[in-house]
Protein backbone atom coordinates (compact mmCIF):
# COMPACT_ATOMS: atom_id res chain seq x y z
CA UNK A 1 0.00 0.00 0.00
CA UNK A 2 1.02 3.60 -0.46
CA UNK A 3 2.01 5.60 2.60
CA UNK A 4 -0.03 8.77 3.17
CA UNK A 5 3.10 10.89 3.63
CA UNK A 6 6.79 10.31 2.95
CA UNK A 7 9.91 12.14 4.04
CA UNK A 8 13.07 12.01 1.92
CA UNK A 9 15.94 13.94 3.43
CA UNK A 10 14.32 17.24 4.50
CA UNK A 11 11.43 17.14 2.03
CA UNK A 12 7.92 15.86 2.80
CA UNK A 13 5.58 14.36 0.20
CA UNK A 14 1.84 13.66 0.31
CA UNK A 15 0.10 10.82 -1.53
CA UNK A 16 -1.72 12.14 -4.59
CA UNK A 17 -2.82 8.97 -6.41
CA UNK A 18 -2.30 5.26 -6.75
CA UNK A 19 -2.82 2.88 -9.64
CA UNK A 20 -4.11 -0.61 -8.85
CA UNK A 21 -4.00 -3.84 -10.82
CA UNK A 22 -6.56 -6.61 -10.43
CA UNK A 23 -5.82 -9.84 -12.32
CA UNK A 24 -3.63 -12.93 -12.57
CA UNK A 25 -0.56 -11.17 -14.04
CA UNK A 26 0.60 -7.68 -14.97
CA UNK A 27 -0.14 -8.38 -18.64
CA UNK A 28 -3.66 -9.70 -17.96
CA UNK A 29 -6.27 -7.99 -15.82
CA UNK A 30 -7.66 -4.56 -15.14
CA UNK A 31 -6.03 -1.31 -14.02
CA UNK A 32 -7.78 1.52 -12.20
CA UNK A 33 -6.83 4.54 -10.15
CA UNK A 34 -7.83 6.39 -7.01
CA UNK A 35 -6.68 10.01 -6.85
CA UNK A 36 -7.04 13.13 -4.72
CA UNK A 37 -8.64 16.24 -6.18
CA UNK A 38 -7.45 19.60 -4.96
CA UNK A 39 -10.48 21.02 -3.22
CA UNK A 40 -10.82 22.30 0.32
CA UNK A 41 -12.04 18.87 1.49
CA UNK A 42 -9.42 16.89 -0.51
CA UNK A 43 -11.94 14.53 -2.13
CA UNK A 44 -10.72 11.17 -3.44
CA UNK A 45 -12.10 9.79 -6.71
CA UNK A 46 -12.13 6.30 -8.26
CA UNK A 47 -11.57 6.05 -12.04
CA UNK A 48 -11.67 3.09 -14.37
CA UNK A 49 -12.62 2.66 -18.03
CA UNK A 50 -16.23 3.82 -17.61
CA UNK A 51 -16.70 4.91 -13.98
CA UNK A 52 -15.89 7.96 -11.93
CA UNK A 53 -17.14 8.30 -8.36
CA UNK A 54 -16.15 9.82 -5.04
CA UNK A 55 -14.60 7.33 -2.58
CA UNK A 56 -12.45 7.09 0.52
CA UNK A 57 -8.77 6.56 -0.43
CA UNK A 58 -8.84 2.78 0.16
CA UNK A 59 -12.35 2.00 -1.14
CA UNK A 60 -13.04 -0.27 -4.10
CA UNK A 61 -9.85 -2.27 -3.79
CA UNK A 62 -10.56 -6.00 -3.94
CA UNK A 63 -8.32 -8.09 -1.70
CA UNK A 64 -6.56 -9.45 -4.80
CA UNK A 65 -5.84 -5.97 -6.23
CA UNK A 66 -2.25 -4.83 -5.88
CA UNK A 67 -0.81 -1.35 -5.89
CA UNK A 68 0.99 -0.94 -9.20
CA UNK A 69 2.26 2.62 -8.78
CA UNK A 70 2.03 5.48 -6.25
CA UNK A 71 2.23 9.19 -7.01
CA UNK A 72 3.26 11.87 -4.53
CA UNK A 73 3.47 15.64 -4.48
CA UNK A 74 5.97 17.74 -2.57
CA UNK A 75 4.58 19.62 0.42
PDB file of N, CA and C in Angstrom:
ATOM      1  N   UNK A   1       0.840  -1.190   0.000  1.00  0.00           N
ATOM      2  CA  UNK A   1       0.000   0.000   0.000  1.00  0.00           C
ATOM      3  C   UNK A   1       0.877   1.242   0.000  1.00  0.00           C
ATOM      4  N   UNK A   2       0.320   2.324  -0.420  1.00  0.00           N
ATOM      5  CA  UNK A   2       1.022   3.602  -0.457  1.00  0.00           C
ATOM      6  C   UNK A   2       0.921   4.284   0.902  1.00  0.00           C
ATOM      7  N   UNK A   3       2.019   4.823   1.357  1.00  0.00           N
ATOM      8  CA  UNK A   3       2.014   5.597   2.595  1.00  0.00           C
ATOM      9  C   UNK A   3       1.330   6.939   2.332  1.00  0.00           C
ATOM     10  N   UNK A   4       0.635   7.470   3.331  1.00  0.00           N
ATOM     11  CA  UNK A   4      -0.034   8.767   3.168  1.00  0.00           C
ATOM     12  C   UNK A   4       0.981   9.892   2.992  1.00  0.00           C
ATOM     13  N   UNK A   5       2.050   9.884   3.777  1.00  0.00           N
ATOM     14  CA  UNK A   5       3.100  10.889   3.628  1.00  0.00           C
ATOM     15  C   UNK A   5       4.463  10.197   3.660  1.00  0.00           C
ATOM     16  N   UNK A   6       5.418  10.792   2.979  1.00  0.00           N
ATOM     17  CA  UNK A   6       6.793  10.310   2.955  1.00  0.00           C
ATOM     18  C   UNK A   6       7.723  11.464   3.272  1.00  0.00           C
ATOM     19  N   UNK A   7       8.873  11.138   3.830  1.00  0.00           N
ATOM     20  CA  UNK A   7       9.913  12.140   4.040  1.00  0.00           C
ATOM     21  C   UNK A   7      11.203  11.585   3.440  1.00  0.00           C
ATOM     22  N   UNK A   8      11.781  12.341   2.515  1.00  0.00           N
ATOM     23  CA  UNK A   8      13.073  12.006   1.921  1.00  0.00           C
ATOM     24  C   UNK A   8      14.007  13.168   2.198  1.00  0.00           C
ATOM     25  N   UNK A   9      15.021  12.895   2.962  1.00  0.00           N
ATOM     26  CA  UNK A   9      15.939  13.935   3.425  1.00  0.00           C
ATOM     27  C   UNK A   9      15.112  14.959   4.196  1.00  0.00           C
ATOM     28  N   UNK A  10      15.090  16.218   3.786  1.00  0.00           N
ATOM     29  CA  UNK A  10      14.319  17.238   4.497  1.00  0.00           C
ATOM     30  C   UNK A  10      13.029  17.603   3.773  1.00  0.00           C
ATOM     31  N   UNK A  11      12.612  16.821   2.821  1.00  0.00           N
ATOM     32  CA  UNK A  11      11.430  17.135   2.029  1.00  0.00           C
ATOM     33  C   UNK A  11      10.310  16.151   2.336  1.00  0.00           C
ATOM     34  N   UNK A  12       9.106  16.698   2.545  1.00  0.00           N
ATOM     35  CA  UNK A  12       7.922  15.862   2.801  1.00  0.00           C
ATOM     36  C   UNK A  12       7.072  15.780   1.540  1.00  0.00           C
ATOM     37  N   UNK A  13       6.447  14.613   1.345  1.00  0.00           N
ATOM     38  CA  UNK A  13       5.579  14.365   0.204  1.00  0.00           C
ATOM     39  C   UNK A  13       4.252  13.806   0.690  1.00  0.00           C
ATOM     40  N   UNK A  14       3.187  14.143  -0.027  1.00  0.00           N
ATOM     41  CA  UNK A  14       1.845  13.663   0.306  1.00  0.00           C
ATOM     42  C   UNK A  14       1.328  12.807  -0.849  1.00  0.00           C
ATOM     43  N   UNK A  15       0.660  11.708  -0.504  1.00  0.00           N
ATOM     44  CA  UNK A  15       0.099  10.817  -1.534  1.00  0.00           C
ATOM     45  C   UNK A  15      -0.930  11.575  -2.357  1.00  0.00           C
ATOM     46  N   UNK A  16      -0.820  11.463  -3.662  1.00  0.00           N
ATOM     47  CA  UNK A  16      -1.716  12.139  -4.588  1.00  0.00           C
ATOM     48  C   UNK A  16      -2.603  11.141  -5.328  1.00  0.00           C
ATOM     49  N   UNK A  17      -2.055   9.969  -5.665  1.00  0.00           N
ATOM     50  CA  UNK A  17      -2.821   8.971  -6.413  1.00  0.00           C
ATOM     51  C   UNK A  17      -2.117   7.628  -6.333  1.00  0.00           C
ATOM     52  N   UNK A  18      -2.884   6.583  -6.609  1.00  0.00           N
ATOM     53  CA  UNK A  18      -2.305   5.264  -6.752  1.00  0.00           C
ATOM     54  C   UNK A  18      -3.038   4.512  -7.856  1.00  0.00           C
ATOM     55  N   UNK A  19      -2.265   3.731  -8.593  1.00  0.00           N
ATOM     56  CA  UNK A  19      -2.819   2.881  -9.643  1.00  0.00           C
ATOM     57  C   UNK A  19      -2.833   1.458  -9.097  1.00  0.00           C
ATOM     58  N   UNK A  20      -3.949   0.772  -9.306  1.00  0.00           N
ATOM     59  CA  UNK A  20      -4.107  -0.610  -8.848  1.00  0.00           C
ATOM     60  C   UNK A  20      -4.230  -1.546 -10.036  1.00  0.00           C
ATOM     61  N   UNK A  21      -3.810  -2.787  -9.828  1.00  0.00           N
ATOM     62  CA  UNK A  21      -3.996  -3.839 -10.824  1.00  0.00           C
ATOM     63  C   UNK A  21      -4.762  -4.977 -10.174  1.00  0.00           C
ATOM     64  N   UNK A  22      -5.766  -5.476 -10.888  1.00  0.00           N
ATOM     65  CA  UNK A  22      -6.563  -6.612 -10.432  1.00  0.00           C
ATOM     66  C   UNK A  22      -6.540  -7.650 -11.548  1.00  0.00           C
ATOM     67  N   UNK A  23      -5.896  -8.793 -11.306  1.00  0.00           N
ATOM     68  CA  UNK A  23      -5.818  -9.837 -12.321  1.00  0.00           C
ATOM     69  C   UNK A  23      -4.695 -10.802 -12.027  1.00  0.00           C
ATOM     70  N   UNK A  24      -4.604 -11.869 -12.841  1.00  0.00           N
ATOM     71  CA  UNK A  24      -3.628 -12.929 -12.573  1.00  0.00           C
ATOM     72  C   UNK A  24      -2.176 -12.555 -12.855  1.00  0.00           C
ATOM     73  N   UNK A  25      -1.940 -11.593 -13.749  1.00  0.00           N
ATOM     74  CA  UNK A  25      -0.565 -11.171 -14.038  1.00  0.00           C
ATOM     75  C   UNK A  25      -0.596  -9.715 -14.494  1.00  0.00           C
ATOM     76  N   UNK A  26       0.558  -9.086 -14.567  1.00  0.00           N
ATOM     77  CA  UNK A  26       0.604  -7.682 -14.973  1.00  0.00           C
ATOM     78  C   UNK A  26       0.213  -7.474 -16.433  1.00  0.00           C
ATOM     79  N   UNK A  27       0.254  -8.518 -17.240  1.00  0.00           N
ATOM     80  CA  UNK A  27      -0.140  -8.382 -18.643  1.00  0.00           C
ATOM     81  C   UNK A  27      -1.601  -8.745 -18.867  1.00  0.00           C
ATOM     82  N   UNK A  28      -2.251  -9.315 -17.857  1.00  0.00           N
ATOM     83  CA  UNK A  28      -3.659  -9.697 -17.961  1.00  0.00           C
ATOM     84  C   UNK A  28      -4.369  -9.150 -16.735  1.00  0.00           C
ATOM     85  N   UNK A  29      -5.505  -8.502 -16.948  1.00  0.00           N
ATOM     86  CA  UNK A  29      -6.269  -7.986 -15.818  1.00  0.00           C
ATOM     87  C   UNK A  29      -6.790  -6.595 -16.095  1.00  0.00           C
ATOM     88  N   UNK A  30      -7.040  -5.876 -15.032  1.00  0.00           N
ATOM     89  CA  UNK A  30      -7.657  -4.556 -15.140  1.00  0.00           C
ATOM     90  C   UNK A  30      -6.905  -3.567 -14.254  1.00  0.00           C
ATOM     91  N   UNK A  31      -6.675  -2.383 -14.777  1.00  0.00           N
ATOM     92  CA  UNK A  31      -6.032  -1.315 -14.024  1.00  0.00           C
ATOM     93  C   UNK A  31      -7.060  -0.235 -13.718  1.00  0.00           C
ATOM     94  N   UNK A  32      -6.942   0.371 -12.556  1.00  0.00           N
ATOM     95  CA  UNK A  32      -7.782   1.516 -12.205  1.00  0.00           C
ATOM     96  C   UNK A  32      -7.015   2.401 -11.238  1.00  0.00           C
ATOM     97  N   UNK A  33      -7.533   3.596 -11.015  1.00  0.00           N
ATOM     98  CA  UNK A  33      -6.825   4.540 -10.154  1.00  0.00           C
ATOM     99  C   UNK A  33      -7.749   5.183  -9.140  1.00  0.00           C
ATOM    100  N   UNK A  34      -7.165   5.590  -8.034  1.00  0.00           N
ATOM    101  CA  UNK A  34      -7.835   6.389  -7.014  1.00  0.00           C
ATOM    102  C   UNK A  34      -6.949   7.602  -6.817  1.00  0.00           C
ATOM    103  N   UNK A  35      -7.519   8.813  -6.966  1.00  0.00           N
ATOM    104  CA  UNK A  35      -6.682  10.007  -6.850  1.00  0.00           C
ATOM    105  C   UNK A  35      -7.384  11.116  -6.072  1.00  0.00           C
ATOM    106  N   UNK A  36      -6.570  11.993  -5.523  1.00  0.00           N
ATOM    107  CA  UNK A  36      -7.037  13.127  -4.725  1.00  0.00           C
ATOM    108  C   UNK A  36      -7.261  14.321  -5.651  1.00  0.00           C
ATOM    109  N   UNK A  37      -8.373  15.005  -5.454  1.00  0.00           N
ATOM    110  CA  UNK A  37      -8.639  16.241  -6.177  1.00  0.00           C
ATOM    111  C   UNK A  37      -8.380  17.410  -5.253  1.00  0.00           C
ATOM    112  N   UNK A  38      -7.770  18.432  -5.778  1.00  0.00           N
ATOM    113  CA  UNK A  38      -7.452  19.601  -4.960  1.00  0.00           C
ATOM    114  C   UNK A  38      -8.700  20.458  -4.770  1.00  0.00           C
ATOM    115  N   UNK A  39      -9.337  20.227  -3.671  1.00  0.00           N
ATOM    116  CA  UNK A  39     -10.477  21.015  -3.217  1.00  0.00           C
ATOM    117  C   UNK A  39     -10.275  21.199  -1.728  1.00  0.00           C
ATOM    118  N   UNK A  40     -11.012  22.103  -1.120  1.00  0.00           N
ATOM    119  CA  UNK A  40     -10.819  22.297   0.316  1.00  0.00           C
ATOM    120  C   UNK A  40     -10.959  21.016   1.135  1.00  0.00           C
ATOM    121  N   UNK A  41     -11.844  20.102   0.725  1.00  0.00           N
ATOM    122  CA  UNK A  41     -12.038  18.866   1.491  1.00  0.00           C
ATOM    123  C   UNK A  41     -11.140  17.731   1.021  1.00  0.00           C
ATOM    124  N   UNK A  42     -10.353  17.918  -0.032  1.00  0.00           N
ATOM    125  CA  UNK A  42      -9.423  16.892  -0.507  1.00  0.00           C
ATOM    126  C   UNK A  42     -10.101  15.607  -0.920  1.00  0.00           C
ATOM    127  N   UNK A  43     -11.195  15.707  -1.681  1.00  0.00           N
ATOM    128  CA  UNK A  43     -11.941  14.534  -2.126  1.00  0.00           C
ATOM    129  C   UNK A  43     -11.061  13.546  -2.868  1.00  0.00           C
ATOM    130  N   UNK A  44     -11.367  12.247  -2.688  1.00  0.00           N
ATOM    131  CA  UNK A  44     -10.719  11.170  -3.441  1.00  0.00           C
ATOM    132  C   UNK A  44     -11.721  10.629  -4.444  1.00  0.00           C
ATOM    133  N   UNK A  45     -11.241  10.298  -5.643  1.00  0.00           N
ATOM    134  CA  UNK A  45     -12.100   9.793  -6.714  1.00  0.00           C
ATOM    135  C   UNK A  45     -11.531   8.496  -7.267  1.00  0.00           C
ATOM    136  N   UNK A  46     -12.438   7.586  -7.617  1.00  0.00           N
ATOM    137  CA  UNK A  46     -12.129   6.303  -8.259  1.00  0.00           C
ATOM    138  C   UNK A  46     -12.381   6.468  -9.750  1.00  0.00           C
ATOM    139  N   UNK A  47     -11.425   6.016 -10.580  1.00  0.00           N
ATOM    140  CA  UNK A  47     -11.572   6.051 -12.044  1.00  0.00           C
ATOM    141  C   UNK A  47     -11.209   4.688 -12.617  1.00  0.00           C
ATOM    142  N   UNK A  48     -12.055   4.215 -13.530  1.00  0.00           N
ATOM    143  CA  UNK A  48     -11.669   3.086 -14.370  1.00  0.00           C
ATOM    144  C   UNK A  48     -12.143   3.399 -15.780  1.00  0.00           C
ATOM    145  N   UNK A  49     -12.301   2.408 -16.626  1.00  0.00           N
ATOM    146  CA  UNK A  49     -12.624   2.664 -18.025  1.00  0.00           C
ATOM    147  C   UNK A  49     -13.925   3.432 -18.229  1.00  0.00           C
ATOM    148  N   UNK A  50     -14.924   3.186 -17.385  1.00  0.00           N
ATOM    149  CA  UNK A  50     -16.232   3.815 -17.606  1.00  0.00           C
ATOM    150  C   UNK A  50     -16.819   4.489 -16.365  1.00  0.00           C
ATOM    151  N   UNK A  51     -16.136   4.441 -15.237  1.00  0.00           N
ATOM    152  CA  UNK A  51     -16.699   4.908 -13.979  1.00  0.00           C
ATOM    153  C   UNK A  51     -15.851   6.011 -13.363  1.00  0.00           C
ATOM    154  N   UNK A  52     -16.534   6.962 -12.767  1.00  0.00           N
ATOM    155  CA  UNK A  52     -15.893   7.964 -11.927  1.00  0.00           C
ATOM    156  C   UNK A  52     -16.827   8.212 -10.759  1.00  0.00           C
ATOM    157  N   UNK A  53     -16.305   8.043  -9.536  1.00  0.00           N
ATOM    158  CA  UNK A  53     -17.141   8.300  -8.363  1.00  0.00           C
ATOM    159  C   UNK A  53     -16.278   8.655  -7.165  1.00  0.00           C
ATOM    160  N   UNK A  54     -16.853   9.405  -6.253  1.00  0.00           N
ATOM    161  CA  UNK A  54     -16.151   9.820  -5.039  1.00  0.00           C
ATOM    162  C   UNK A  54     -16.036   8.622  -4.100  1.00  0.00           C
ATOM    163  N   UNK A  55     -14.859   8.458  -3.484  1.00  0.00           N
ATOM    164  CA  UNK A  55     -14.596   7.332  -2.577  1.00  0.00           C
ATOM    165  C   UNK A  55     -13.700   7.795  -1.433  1.00  0.00           C
ATOM    166  N   UNK A  56     -13.532   6.922  -0.459  1.00  0.00           N
ATOM    167  CA  UNK A  56     -12.452   7.094   0.516  1.00  0.00           C
ATOM    168  C   UNK A  56     -11.194   6.553  -0.149  1.00  0.00           C
ATOM    169  N   UNK A  57     -10.000   6.947   0.286  1.00  0.00           N
ATOM    170  CA  UNK A  57      -8.771   6.556  -0.429  1.00  0.00           C
ATOM    171  C   UNK A  57      -8.584   5.058  -0.626  1.00  0.00           C
ATOM    172  N   UNK A  58      -9.071   4.219   0.278  1.00  0.00           N
ATOM    173  CA  UNK A  58      -8.836   2.780   0.155  1.00  0.00           C
ATOM    174  C   UNK A  58     -10.080   1.994  -0.245  1.00  0.00           C
ATOM    175  N   UNK A  59     -11.136   2.674  -0.680  1.00  0.00           N
ATOM    176  CA  UNK A  59     -12.351   1.996  -1.138  1.00  0.00           C
ATOM    177  C   UNK A  59     -12.121   1.316  -2.479  1.00  0.00           C
ATOM    178  N   UNK A  60     -12.999   0.383  -2.790  1.00  0.00           N
ATOM    179  CA  UNK A  60     -13.043  -0.272  -4.104  1.00  0.00           C
ATOM    180  C   UNK A  60     -11.752  -0.978  -4.489  1.00  0.00           C
ATOM    181  N   UNK A  61     -11.070  -1.531  -3.516  1.00  0.00           N
ATOM    182  CA  UNK A  61      -9.853  -2.267  -3.794  1.00  0.00           C
ATOM    183  C   UNK A  61     -10.038  -3.712  -3.367  1.00  0.00           C
ATOM    184  N   UNK A  62     -10.381  -4.594  -4.309  1.00  0.00           N
ATOM    185  CA  UNK A  62     -10.556  -5.997  -3.940  1.00  0.00           C
ATOM    186  C   UNK A  62      -9.299  -6.541  -3.270  1.00  0.00           C
ATOM    187  N   UNK A  63      -9.461  -7.523  -2.439  1.00  0.00           N
ATOM    188  CA  UNK A  63      -8.322  -8.093  -1.703  1.00  0.00           C
ATOM    189  C   UNK A  63      -7.215  -8.547  -2.646  1.00  0.00           C
ATOM    190  N   UNK A  64      -7.576  -8.962  -3.861  1.00  0.00           N
ATOM    191  CA  UNK A  64      -6.564  -9.447  -4.800  1.00  0.00           C
ATOM    192  C   UNK A  64      -5.942  -8.320  -5.631  1.00  0.00           C
ATOM    193  N   UNK A  65      -6.433  -7.088  -5.492  1.00  0.00           N
ATOM    194  CA  UNK A  65      -5.836  -5.972  -6.232  1.00  0.00           C
ATOM    195  C   UNK A  65      -4.517  -5.594  -5.571  1.00  0.00           C
ATOM    196  N   UNK A  66      -3.561  -5.232  -6.395  1.00  0.00           N
ATOM    197  CA  UNK A  66      -2.246  -4.830  -5.884  1.00  0.00           C
ATOM    198  C   UNK A  66      -1.935  -3.413  -6.346  1.00  0.00           C
ATOM    199  N   UNK A  67      -1.259  -2.680  -5.487  1.00  0.00           N
ATOM    200  CA  UNK A  67      -0.809  -1.350  -5.889  1.00  0.00           C
ATOM    201  C   UNK A  67       0.254  -1.526  -6.959  1.00  0.00           C
ATOM    202  N   UNK A  68       0.045  -0.876  -8.087  1.00  0.00           N
ATOM    203  CA  UNK A  68       0.992  -0.939  -9.198  1.00  0.00           C
ATOM    204  C   UNK A  68       1.963   0.240  -9.145  1.00  0.00           C
ATOM    205  N   UNK A  69       1.429   1.434  -8.811  1.00  0.00           N
ATOM    206  CA  UNK A  69       2.257   2.625  -8.780  1.00  0.00           C
ATOM    207  C   UNK A  69       1.645   3.664  -7.852  1.00  0.00           C
ATOM    208  N   UNK A  70       2.475   4.400  -7.125  1.00  0.00           N
ATOM    209  CA  UNK A  70       2.033   5.479  -6.246  1.00  0.00           C
ATOM    210  C   UNK A  70       2.593   6.801  -6.752  1.00  0.00           C
ATOM    211  N   UNK A  71       1.801   7.849  -6.617  1.00  0.00           N
ATOM    212  CA  UNK A  71       2.227   9.186  -7.012  1.00  0.00           C
ATOM    213  C   UNK A  71       2.154  10.104  -5.796  1.00  0.00           C
ATOM    214  N   UNK A  72       3.170  10.946  -5.654  1.00  0.00           N
ATOM    215  CA  UNK A  72       3.261  11.870  -4.530  1.00  0.00           C
ATOM    216  C   UNK A  72       3.529  13.273  -5.031  1.00  0.00           C
ATOM    217  N   UNK A  73       3.140  14.264  -4.199  1.00  0.00           N
ATOM    218  CA  UNK A  73       3.467  15.640  -4.483  1.00  0.00           C
ATOM    219  C   UNK A  73       4.258  16.213  -3.311  1.00  0.00           C
ATOM    220  N   UNK A  74       5.151  17.127  -3.612  1.00  0.00           N
ATOM    221  CA  UNK A  74       5.968  17.744  -2.572  1.00  0.00           C
ATOM    222  C   UNK A  74       5.113  18.722  -1.772  1.00  0.00           C
ATOM    223  N   UNK A  75       5.293  18.684  -0.459  1.00  0.00           N
ATOM    224  CA  UNK A  75       4.578  19.624   0.424  1.00  0.00           C
ATOM    225  C   UNK A  75       5.421  20.856   0.683  1.00  0.00           C
TER     226      UNK A  75
END
